[in-house]
Each structure stands twice: as structure tokens, then as C-alpha cells.
Amino acid sequence: MPPETLPKHDPAPGARPTGALTEADAARNIQQMFDTIAPTYDRANHLLSFGLDRLWWTRAARTLRPILARPEAVVLDLCCGTGDMTLALHAYRPTASTNDGERRTVNPLLAADFSHNMLALALPKFAGKNILPIEADALHLPLPANSVDLVTTAFGFRNLSNYPAGLAELHRILRPGGQIAILEFNQPTGLIGALYNLYFRHILPRVGGLISHSPREYAYLPGSVARFPSPPRMISLIAAAGFTAPTWIPYTFGVAGLFRATKP
């Protein structure tokens, strides 16, 4: 399947699976897609990324330790999927007791996804941990304005049907001084880019389709990355949404990277 490209005239860029003409169609198709591949999602991801996904989650979580270490911080892992990024973040959350034995309140880590099947697979991983799962649409979160200190999302933001609307919703729920951290795929350039494109466009969809028995869903993946804004364009969108000091830190030769910004 040829990769999807972002039309220059598209006034509201966002994910568009093949056949989806509207934002509502796109959201519905993507939700069904992730419900379908949920049973094999973890195994396919770890295999197809050669285990780099674990490295990326851990690296991103480590950079967010100053916020995660605050007991009162309200942290939301958006598009949490089966919860692996959530667990990487949870590793840096404090426990409910201090060294002198005093009890203290530690806000639960919020984990949201709109795929019921993906979230169901996350629940056993969350058992016994201070994590609160939420089944919700990223564009319409059931959270009050100015209530969250940090929003993270790992490889899920590009699946939103409207990127500016998604950034606006994150801006709404964040407190002043709150931060976003968006971990996403990127298309590198040069020799690395050529090798990456060969693997990502031709090998990964076939192998992913065999593992999941859902070739259509894995054919969507390269197109979703091709359609996603480049780092400079994404930084512009983040700034236009009202965030300050947006940055992008490349991971593994630019195959992936972490966008960060602050709500003033």
C-alpha cells in the first residue's frame, strides 16, 4: 500500500487511514484498528522495533523525573495503549511513605486510551500500582481545565484525527507551568533514512501483518508516520497552540524523538 501523504491544503492535519474522509471516520477506524491488533500488540512492537521501544520509553521517562518525583504532581499518560510507557513513568513516582515512616498522599498516575481492548490488556500490568486507568478520547478528555502538571504520550499522538485540536486539549487541561512530552516516530534523512524507509515501508508491514493476522492495520503504520508533521512543523504547531519553548530531542539517529513544551 503506498504511504499516505499530508495534503498541503489540509486545514486540520491529522491521521487519515485509507478510506477515512472525515475526522469522525478516522477516529472510528483507528479505534477499531487498535481494538483488533490489541492481543498481539506488545509482541509485535517489541519484535519490530528490535526492543528499542523499551529504550525510548525509559529514556523519555528519565528526562521527566523532576516532575514525576513530586507527590502532588498530576501526570497523565495519554494514548497509553497496553501501558508500557505508563509503567516507565510509574518507576519514577514516589511511594506513599517517607523515610521517617510518615504517610503522604501521592496522586495516582492517570493512564488514558480510547481503545477498550488495549486498556483491558493494560489493567493486569497496573494491578497493585498507583495508576488510574481512564477510557477516553484524547480530543475530549474528562478532566477539568488547569488540572494536570504533565501530559505524556508515546507513539499515539500521530493517530489523533486532528493534531491542532489535540494540542489545544492538552493546553486546556494543563496547569500554567505544566508540560507536554510527546514521543513519536520520525522519518530520518540520508543513508539512515533510506534504510529506515526500506524497513518501515516494506518489511515491517508484512511482518507485522503476519504476527497480528491483520495486514491492513500494519499497512497503516508507515502512512501514519509519513503524514505526521516533521519536527520543525510539529514545533510550529505546538507553539501555535500556545506552548512556550518547544523542543525536539532525536532518539536513535532520528528514527524517533521527544517533543517537549511548557504551558505559560
C-alpha atoms as a PDB file:
ATOM      1  CA  MET A   1       0.000   0.000   0.000  1.00  0.00           C
ATOM      2  CA  PRO A   2       1.510   3.397  -0.918  1.00  0.00           C
ATOM      3  CA  PRO A   3       2.191   5.687   2.046  1.00  0.00           C
ATOM      4  CA  GLU A   4      -0.320   8.399   2.768  1.00  0.00           C
ATOM      5  CA  THR A   5       0.917  11.961   2.433  1.00  0.00           C
ATOM      6  CA  LEU A   6      -0.299  15.123   4.088  1.00  0.00           C
ATOM      7  CA  PRO A   7      -2.190  17.278   1.586  1.00  0.00           C
ATOM      8  CA  LYS A   8      -0.868  20.839   1.601  1.00  0.00           C
ATOM      9  CA  HIS A   9      -4.411  22.187   1.604  1.00  0.00           C
ATOM     10  CA  ASP A  10      -5.468  20.157   4.651  1.00  0.00           C
ATOM     11  CA  PRO A  11      -6.670  22.829   7.125  1.00  0.00           C
ATOM     12  CA  ALA A  12      -6.665  20.462  10.110  1.00  0.00           C
ATOM     13  CA  PRO A  13      -3.900  17.865   9.771  1.00  0.00           C
ATOM     14  CA  GLY A  14      -4.476  14.562  11.464  1.00  0.00           C
ATOM     15  CA  ALA A  15      -4.451  10.822  10.945  1.00  0.00           C
ATOM     16  CA  ARG A  16      -6.407   9.590   7.935  1.00  0.00           C
ATOM     17  CA  PRO A  17      -6.492   5.807   7.427  1.00  0.00           C
ATOM     18  CA  THR A  18      -7.275   4.733   3.882  1.00  0.00           C
ATOM     19  CA  GLY A  19     -10.950   5.325   3.177  1.00  0.00           C
ATOM     20  CA  ALA A  20     -11.476   7.787   6.030  1.00  0.00           C
ATOM     21  CA  LEU A  21     -12.685  11.080   4.589  1.00  0.00           C
ATOM     22  CA  THR A  22     -13.597  12.890   7.806  1.00  0.00           C
ATOM     23  CA  GLU A  23     -12.185  13.264  11.310  1.00  0.00           C
ATOM     24  CA  ALA A  24     -15.036  11.159  12.689  1.00  0.00           C
ATOM     25  CA  ASP A  25     -14.312   8.374  10.163  1.00  0.00           C
ATOM     26  CA  ALA A  26     -10.605   8.494  11.010  1.00  0.00           C
ATOM     27  CA  ALA A  27     -11.184   8.290  14.757  1.00  0.00           C
ATOM     28  CA  ARG A  28     -13.619   5.401  14.369  1.00  0.00           C
ATOM     29  CA  ASN A  29     -11.302   3.461  12.032  1.00  0.00           C
ATOM     30  CA  ILE A  30      -8.285   3.924  14.291  1.00  0.00           C
ATOM     31  CA  GLN A  31     -10.208   2.873  17.379  1.00  0.00           C
ATOM     32  CA  GLN A  32     -11.362  -0.304  15.615  1.00  0.00           C
ATOM     33  CA  MET A  33      -7.837  -0.876  14.330  1.00  0.00           C
ATOM     34  CA  PHE A  34      -6.270  -0.844  17.793  1.00  0.00           C
ATOM     35  CA  ASP A  35      -9.056  -2.955  19.242  1.00  0.00           C
ATOM     36  CA  THR A  36      -8.270  -5.519  16.523  1.00  0.00           C
ATOM     37  CA  ILE A  37      -4.482  -5.696  16.989  1.00  0.00           C
ATOM     38  CA  ALA A  38      -4.524  -5.418  20.795  1.00  0.00           C
ATOM     39  CA  PRO A  39      -3.883  -9.144  21.513  1.00  0.00           C
ATOM     40  CA  THR A  40      -0.587  -9.167  19.570  1.00  0.00           C
ATOM     41  CA  TYR A  41       0.357  -5.507  20.024  1.00  0.00           C
ATOM     42  CA  ASP A  42       3.114  -5.916  22.619  1.00  0.00           C
ATOM     43  CA  ARG A  43       4.784  -8.865  20.918  1.00  0.00           C
ATOM     44  CA  ALA A  44       4.737  -7.180  17.519  1.00  0.00           C
ATOM     45  CA  ASN A  45       6.063  -3.859  18.835  1.00  0.00           C
ATOM     46  CA  HIS A  46       8.993  -5.368  20.711  1.00  0.00           C
ATOM     47  CA  LEU A  47       9.950  -7.566  17.770  1.00  0.00           C
ATOM     48  CA  LEU A  48       9.536  -4.975  15.031  1.00  0.00           C
ATOM     49  CA  SER A  49      11.456  -2.294  16.946  1.00  0.00           C
ATOM     50  CA  PHE A  50      14.228  -4.739  17.944  1.00  0.00           C
ATOM     51  CA  GLY A  51      13.494  -3.821  21.561  1.00  0.00           C
ATOM     52  CA  LEU A  52      14.232  -0.127  21.019  1.00  0.00           C
ATOM     53  CA  ASP A  53      10.716   0.799  22.127  1.00  0.00           C
ATOM     54  CA  ARG A  54      11.657  -0.103  25.720  1.00  0.00           C
ATOM     55  CA  LEU A  55      14.776   2.040  25.469  1.00  0.00           C
ATOM     56  CA  TRP A  56      12.783   5.019  24.161  1.00  0.00           C
ATOM     57  CA  TRP A  57      10.118   4.775  26.891  1.00  0.00           C
ATOM     58  CA  THR A  58      12.761   4.561  29.603  1.00  0.00           C
ATOM     59  CA  ARG A  59      14.805   7.439  28.218  1.00  0.00           C
ATOM     60  CA  ALA A  60      11.769   9.685  27.927  1.00  0.00           C
ATOM     61  CA  ALA A  61      10.603   8.853  31.455  1.00  0.00           C
ATOM     62  CA  ARG A  62      14.074   9.524  32.868  1.00  0.00           C
ATOM     63  CA  THR A  63      14.116  13.049  31.441  1.00  0.00           C
ATOM     64  CA  LEU A  64      10.808  13.753  33.222  1.00  0.00           C
ATOM     65  CA  ARG A  65      11.983  12.698  36.694  1.00  0.00           C
ATOM     66  CA  PRO A  66      11.825  16.207  38.251  1.00  0.00           C
ATOM     67  CA  ILE A  67       8.059  16.324  37.672  1.00  0.00           C
ATOM     68  CA  LEU A  68       7.380  12.635  38.272  1.00  0.00           C
ATOM     69  CA  ALA A  69       9.150  12.761  41.652  1.00  0.00           C
ATOM     70  CA  ARG A  70       6.691  15.333  43.036  1.00  0.00           C
ATOM     71  CA  PRO A  71       3.991  13.514  45.065  1.00  0.00           C
ATOM     72  CA  GLU A  72       1.391  16.208  44.347  1.00  0.00           C
ATOM     73  CA  ALA A  73       2.006  16.205  40.574  1.00  0.00           C
ATOM     74  CA  VAL A  74      -0.913  15.115  38.404  1.00  0.00           C
ATOM     75  CA  VAL A  75       0.501  13.130  35.490  1.00  0.00           C
ATOM     76  CA  LEU A  76      -1.453  11.825  32.507  1.00  0.00           C
ATOM     77  CA  ASP A  77      -0.107   9.225  30.080  1.00  0.00           C
ATOM     78  CA  LEU A  78      -2.305   9.735  27.029  1.00  0.00           C
ATOM     79  CA  CYS A  79      -2.911   7.050  24.392  1.00  0.00           C
ATOM     80  CA  CYS A  80      -1.361   4.666  26.891  1.00  0.00           C
ATOM     81  CA  GLY A  81      -2.145   1.533  24.894  1.00  0.00           C
ATOM     82  CA  THR A  82      -1.192  -1.561  26.881  1.00  0.00           C
ATOM     83  CA  GLY A  83       0.594   0.565  29.463  1.00  0.00           C
ATOM     84  CA  ASP A  84       4.317   0.142  28.858  1.00  0.00           C
ATOM     85  CA  MET A  85       5.083   3.871  28.797  1.00  0.00           C
ATOM     86  CA  THR A  86       2.846   4.284  31.855  1.00  0.00           C
ATOM     87  CA  LEU A  87       4.970   1.747  33.746  1.00  0.00           C
ATOM     88  CA  ALA A  88       8.176   3.529  32.703  1.00  0.00           C
ATOM     89  CA  LEU A  89       6.763   6.739  34.173  1.00  0.00           C
ATOM     90  CA  HIS A  90       5.490   4.967  37.285  1.00  0.00           C
ATOM     91  CA  ALA A  91       9.023   3.800  38.088  1.00  0.00           C
ATOM     92  CA  TYR A  92       9.890   7.415  38.933  1.00  0.00           C
ATOM     93  CA  ARG A  93       6.784   8.171  41.011  1.00  0.00           C
ATOM     94  CA  PRO A  94       7.309   8.348  44.797  1.00  0.00           C
ATOM     95  CA  THR A  95       5.827   5.836  47.201  1.00  0.00           C
ATOM     96  CA  ALA A  96       3.179   6.681  49.751  1.00  0.00           C
ATOM     97  CA  SER A  97       5.580   6.728  52.702  1.00  0.00           C
ATOM     98  CA  THR A  98       8.678   8.782  53.543  1.00  0.00           C
ATOM     99  CA  ASN A  99      11.930   7.649  55.118  1.00  0.00           C
ATOM    100  CA  ASP A 100      10.721   8.618  58.607  1.00  0.00           C
ATOM    101  CA  GLY A 101       7.606   6.497  58.217  1.00  0.00           C
ATOM    102  CA  GLU A 102       5.139   9.365  57.727  1.00  0.00           C
ATOM    103  CA  ARG A 103       2.336   8.742  55.280  1.00  0.00           C
ATOM    104  CA  ARG A 104       1.868  11.178  52.435  1.00  0.00           C
ATOM    105  CA  THR A 105      -0.577  11.450  49.588  1.00  0.00           C
ATOM    106  CA  VAL A 106       0.772  10.611  46.156  1.00  0.00           C
ATOM    107  CA  ASN A 107      -1.554  11.405  43.307  1.00  0.00           C
ATOM    108  CA  PRO A 108      -2.243   8.404  41.073  1.00  0.00           C
ATOM    109  CA  LEU A 109      -0.711   8.290  37.619  1.00  0.00           C
ATOM    110  CA  LEU A 110      -3.523   8.666  35.079  1.00  0.00           C
ATOM    111  CA  ALA A 111      -3.463   6.381  32.022  1.00  0.00           C
ATOM    112  CA  ALA A 112      -5.953   7.100  29.229  1.00  0.00           C
ATOM    113  CA  ASP A 113      -6.794   5.380  25.954  1.00  0.00           C
ATOM    114  CA  PHE A 114      -9.872   5.196  23.736  1.00  0.00           C
ATOM    115  CA  SER A 115      -9.315   1.557  22.752  1.00  0.00           C
ATOM    116  CA  HIS A 116     -11.187  -0.632  25.226  1.00  0.00           C
ATOM    117  CA  ASN A 117      -9.238  -3.738  24.235  1.00  0.00           C
ATOM    118  CA  MET A 118      -5.852  -2.063  24.634  1.00  0.00           C
ATOM    119  CA  LEU A 119      -6.762  -0.674  28.034  1.00  0.00           C
ATOM    120  CA  ALA A 120      -8.071  -4.086  29.137  1.00  0.00           C
ATOM    121  CA  LEU A 121      -4.616  -5.552  28.439  1.00  0.00           C
ATOM    122  CA  ALA A 122      -3.018  -2.764  30.479  1.00  0.00           C
ATOM    123  CA  LEU A 123      -5.096  -3.442  33.593  1.00  0.00           C
ATOM    124  CA  PRO A 124      -3.165  -6.551  34.757  1.00  0.00           C
ATOM    125  CA  LYS A 125       0.085  -4.578  34.407  1.00  0.00           C
ATOM    126  CA  PHE A 126      -1.357  -1.806  36.580  1.00  0.00           C
ATOM    127  CA  ALA A 127      -2.513  -4.153  39.342  1.00  0.00           C
ATOM    128  CA  GLY A 128      -1.167  -3.135  42.748  1.00  0.00           C
ATOM    129  CA  LYS A 129       0.260   0.138  41.408  1.00  0.00           C
ATOM    130  CA  ASN A 130      -0.863   3.711  41.969  1.00  0.00           C
ATOM    131  CA  ILE A 131      -2.249   4.006  38.430  1.00  0.00           C
ATOM    132  CA  LEU A 132      -5.764   5.056  37.470  1.00  0.00           C
ATOM    133  CA  PRO A 133      -6.927   3.878  34.004  1.00  0.00           C
ATOM    134  CA  ILE A 134      -9.356   6.052  32.045  1.00  0.00           C
ATOM    135  CA  GLU A 135     -11.152   5.056  28.842  1.00  0.00           C
ATOM    136  CA  ALA A 136     -11.390   8.349  26.996  1.00  0.00           C
ATOM    137  CA  ASP A 137     -10.949  10.169  23.690  1.00  0.00           C
ATOM    138  CA  ALA A 138      -7.779  12.285  23.579  1.00  0.00           C
ATOM    139  CA  LEU A 139      -9.678  15.130  21.916  1.00  0.00           C
ATOM    140  CA  HIS A 140     -12.360  15.214  24.630  1.00  0.00           C
ATOM    141  CA  LEU A 141     -10.730  14.346  27.949  1.00  0.00           C
ATOM    142  CA  PRO A 142     -12.919  14.061  31.082  1.00  0.00           C
ATOM    143  CA  LEU A 143     -10.552  16.300  33.048  1.00  0.00           C
ATOM    144  CA  PRO A 144     -11.078  19.872  34.229  1.00  0.00           C
ATOM    145  CA  ALA A 145      -9.102  22.776  32.830  1.00  0.00           C
ATOM    146  CA  ASN A 146      -5.836  23.661  34.545  1.00  0.00           C
ATOM    147  CA  SER A 147      -5.692  20.371  36.466  1.00  0.00           C
ATOM    148  CA  VAL A 148      -2.670  18.443  35.131  1.00  0.00           C
ATOM    149  CA  ASP A 149       1.071  19.029  35.584  1.00  0.00           C
ATOM    150  CA  LEU A 150       2.430  16.714  32.876  1.00  0.00           C
ATOM    151  CA  VAL A 151       0.953  15.005  29.827  1.00  0.00           C
ATOM    152  CA  THR A 152       2.962  12.336  28.061  1.00  0.00           C
ATOM    153  CA  THR A 153       2.109  10.260  25.038  1.00  0.00           C
ATOM    154  CA  ALA A 154       4.240   7.613  23.342  1.00  0.00           C
ATOM    155  CA  PHE A 155       3.603   6.802  19.679  1.00  0.00           C
ATOM    156  CA  GLY A 156      -0.064   7.670  19.983  1.00  0.00           C
ATOM    157  CA  PHE A 157      -0.334  11.352  19.181  1.00  0.00           C
ATOM    158  CA  ARG A 158       0.096  10.819  15.440  1.00  0.00           C
ATOM    159  CA  ASN A 159      -3.075   8.692  15.489  1.00  0.00           C
ATOM    160  CA  LEU A 160      -5.242  11.629  16.527  1.00  0.00           C
ATOM    161  CA  SER A 161      -7.656  12.759  13.837  1.00  0.00           C
ATOM    162  CA  ASN A 162      -6.735  16.422  14.395  1.00  0.00           C
ATOM    163  CA  TYR A 163      -3.287  17.403  15.713  1.00  0.00           C
ATOM    164  CA  PRO A 164      -4.036  21.087  16.461  1.00  0.00           C
ATOM    165  CA  ALA A 165      -7.211  20.073  18.315  1.00  0.00           C
ATOM    166  CA  GLY A 166      -5.212  17.517  20.286  1.00  0.00           C
ATOM    167  CA  LEU A 167      -2.644  20.135  21.288  1.00  0.00           C
ATOM    168  CA  ALA A 168      -5.449  22.541  22.239  1.00  0.00           C
ATOM    169  CA  GLU A 169      -6.969  19.892  24.512  1.00  0.00           C
ATOM    170  CA  LEU A 170      -3.612  19.284  26.197  1.00  0.00           C
ATOM    171  CA  HIS A 171      -3.208  23.030  26.675  1.00  0.00           C
ATOM    172  CA  ARG A 172      -6.688  23.184  28.227  1.00  0.00           C
ATOM    173  CA  ILE A 173      -6.105  20.522  30.881  1.00  0.00           C
ATOM    174  CA  LEU A 174      -2.583  21.618  31.822  1.00  0.00           C
ATOM    175  CA  ARG A 175      -1.947  23.961  34.705  1.00  0.00           C
ATOM    176  CA  PRO A 176       0.158  27.058  33.982  1.00  0.00           C
ATOM    177  CA  GLY A 177       3.733  25.799  34.029  1.00  0.00           C
ATOM    178  CA  GLY A 178       2.584  22.290  33.072  1.00  0.00           C
ATOM    179  CA  GLN A 179       4.465  20.386  30.389  1.00  0.00           C
ATOM    180  CA  ILE A 180       3.835  18.092  27.439  1.00  0.00           C
ATOM    181  CA  ALA A 181       6.176  15.299  26.360  1.00  0.00           C
ATOM    182  CA  ILE A 182       5.263  13.674  23.037  1.00  0.00           C
ATOM    183  CA  LEU A 183       7.365  10.685  21.974  1.00  0.00           C
ATOM    184  CA  GLU A 184       6.852   9.956  18.280  1.00  0.00           C
ATOM    185  CA  PHE A 185       8.357   8.345  15.206  1.00  0.00           C
ATOM    186  CA  ASN A 186      10.167  10.463  12.642  1.00  0.00           C
ATOM    187  CA  GLN A 187      11.478   9.990   9.111  1.00  0.00           C
ATOM    188  CA  PRO A 188      15.275  10.442   9.217  1.00  0.00           C
ATOM    189  CA  THR A 189      17.267  11.549   6.183  1.00  0.00           C
ATOM    190  CA  GLY A 190      20.439  10.349   4.458  1.00  0.00           C
ATOM    191  CA  LEU A 191      21.599   6.741   4.471  1.00  0.00           C
ATOM    192  CA  ILE A 192      19.845   6.044   7.781  1.00  0.00           C
ATOM    193  CA  GLY A 193      16.660   7.408   6.262  1.00  0.00           C
ATOM    194  CA  ALA A 194      16.969   5.210   3.184  1.00  0.00           C
ATOM    195  CA  LEU A 195      17.499   2.053   5.265  1.00  0.00           C
ATOM    196  CA  TYR A 196      14.721   3.078   7.626  1.00  0.00           C
ATOM    197  CA  ASN A 197      12.272   3.643   4.777  1.00  0.00           C
ATOM    198  CA  LEU A 198      13.131   0.279   3.239  1.00  0.00           C
ATOM    199  CA  TYR A 199      12.402  -1.485   6.504  1.00  0.00           C
ATOM    200  CA  PHE A 200       9.490   0.653   7.622  1.00  0.00           C
ATOM    201  CA  ARG A 201       7.598   0.731   4.332  1.00  0.00           C
ATOM    202  CA  HIS A 202       8.228  -2.757   3.002  1.00  0.00           C
ATOM    203  CA  ILE A 203       9.387  -5.192   5.685  1.00  0.00           C
ATOM    204  CA  LEU A 204       7.628  -4.020   8.846  1.00  0.00           C
ATOM    205  CA  PRO A 205       4.066  -4.034   7.393  1.00  0.00           C
ATOM    206  CA  ARG A 206       4.497  -7.585   6.110  1.00  0.00           C
ATOM    207  CA  VAL A 207       5.987  -8.964   9.327  1.00  0.00           C
ATOM    208  CA  GLY A 208       3.523  -7.044  11.492  1.00  0.00           C
ATOM    209  CA  GLY A 209       0.652  -8.355   9.390  1.00  0.00           C
ATOM    210  CA  LEU A 210       1.862 -11.942   9.823  1.00  0.00           C
ATOM    211  CA  ILE A 211       2.221 -11.598  13.590  1.00  0.00           C
ATOM    212  CA  SER A 212      -1.121  -9.875  14.103  1.00  0.00           C
ATOM    213  CA  HIS A 213      -3.038 -11.572  11.262  1.00  0.00           C
ATOM    214  CA  SER A 214      -4.139  -8.005  10.453  1.00  0.00           C
ATOM    215  CA  PRO A 215      -2.104  -6.788   7.459  1.00  0.00           C
ATOM    216  CA  ARG A 216      -4.379  -3.797   6.887  1.00  0.00           C
ATOM    217  CA  GLU A 217      -3.582  -2.375  10.301  1.00  0.00           C
ATOM    218  CA  TYR A 218       0.189  -2.612   9.839  1.00  0.00           C
ATOM    219  CA  ALA A 219      -0.047  -1.193   6.331  1.00  0.00           C
ATOM    220  CA  TYR A 220      -1.451   1.918   8.002  1.00  0.00           C
ATOM    221  CA  LEU A 221       1.645   2.447  10.157  1.00  0.00           C
ATOM    222  CA  PRO A 222       4.103   3.767   7.521  1.00  0.00           C
ATOM    223  CA  GLY A 223       1.443   6.090   6.152  1.00  0.00           C
ATOM    224  CA  SER A 224       0.703   7.484   9.596  1.00  0.00           C
ATOM    225  CA  VAL A 225       4.378   8.360  10.095  1.00  0.00           C
ATOM    226  CA  ALA A 226       4.662   9.857   6.604  1.00  0.00           C
ATOM    227  CA  ARG A 227       1.625  12.013   7.294  1.00  0.00           C
ATOM    228  CA  PHE A 228       2.807  13.169  10.721  1.00  0.00           C
ATOM    229  CA  PRO A 229       4.369  16.659  10.733  1.00  0.00           C
ATOM    230  CA  SER A 230       8.162  16.894  10.536  1.00  0.00           C
ATOM    231  CA  PRO A 231       9.883  18.104  13.738  1.00  0.00           C
ATOM    232  CA  PRO A 232      10.070  21.762  12.562  1.00  0.00           C
ATOM    233  CA  ARG A 233       6.399  21.690  11.510  1.00  0.00           C
ATOM    234  CA  MET A 234       5.342  19.983  14.738  1.00  0.00           C
ATOM    235  CA  ILE A 235       7.254  22.557  16.781  1.00  0.00           C
ATOM    236  CA  SER A 236       5.349  25.270  14.911  1.00  0.00           C
ATOM    237  CA  LEU A 237       2.033  23.597  15.704  1.00  0.00           C
ATOM    238  CA  ILE A 238       2.984  23.302  19.381  1.00  0.00           C
ATOM    239  CA  ALA A 239       3.910  26.986  19.519  1.00  0.00           C
ATOM    240  CA  ALA A 240       0.691  27.952  17.713  1.00  0.00           C
ATOM    241  CA  ALA A 241      -1.278  26.049  20.381  1.00  0.00           C
ATOM    242  CA  GLY A 242       0.086  28.436  22.996  1.00  0.00           C
ATOM    243  CA  PHE A 243       3.027  26.488  24.387  1.00  0.00           C
ATOM    244  CA  THR A 244       6.425  28.045  25.018  1.00  0.00           C
ATOM    245  CA  ALA A 245       9.969  26.802  24.362  1.00  0.00           C
ATOM    246  CA  PRO A 246       9.016  23.764  22.242  1.00  0.00           C
ATOM    247  CA  THR A 247      11.934  21.416  21.567  1.00  0.00           C
ATOM    248  CA  TRP A 248      12.593  18.097  19.829  1.00  0.00           C
ATOM    249  CA  ILE A 249      15.259  15.649  21.004  1.00  0.00           C
ATOM    250  CA  PRO A 250      16.063  12.935  18.423  1.00  0.00           C
ATOM    251  CA  TYR A 251      16.440   9.314  19.536  1.00  0.00           C
ATOM    252  CA  THR A 252      18.392   6.595  17.684  1.00  0.00           C
ATOM    253  CA  PHE A 253      19.606   8.584  14.665  1.00  0.00           C
ATOM    254  CA  GLY A 254      16.318  10.461  14.447  1.00  0.00           C
ATOM    255  CA  VAL A 255      14.122   7.388  13.996  1.00  0.00           C
ATOM    256  CA  ALA A 256      12.088   8.681  16.930  1.00  0.00           C
ATOM    257  CA  GLY A 257      12.191  11.750  19.130  1.00  0.00           C
ATOM    258  CA  LEU A 258      10.711  13.564  22.097  1.00  0.00           C
ATOM    259  CA  PHE A 259       8.809  16.852  21.757  1.00  0.00           C
ATOM    260  CA  ARG A 260       8.640  18.946  24.925  1.00  0.00           C
ATOM    261  CA  ALA A 261       6.995  22.274  25.703  1.00  0.00           C
ATOM    262  CA  THR A 262       5.501  24.245  28.585  1.00  0.00           C
ATOM    263  CA  LYS A 263       2.166  25.983  29.099  1.00  0.00           C
ATOM    264  CA  PRO A 264       2.997  29.560  30.145  1.00  0.00           C
END
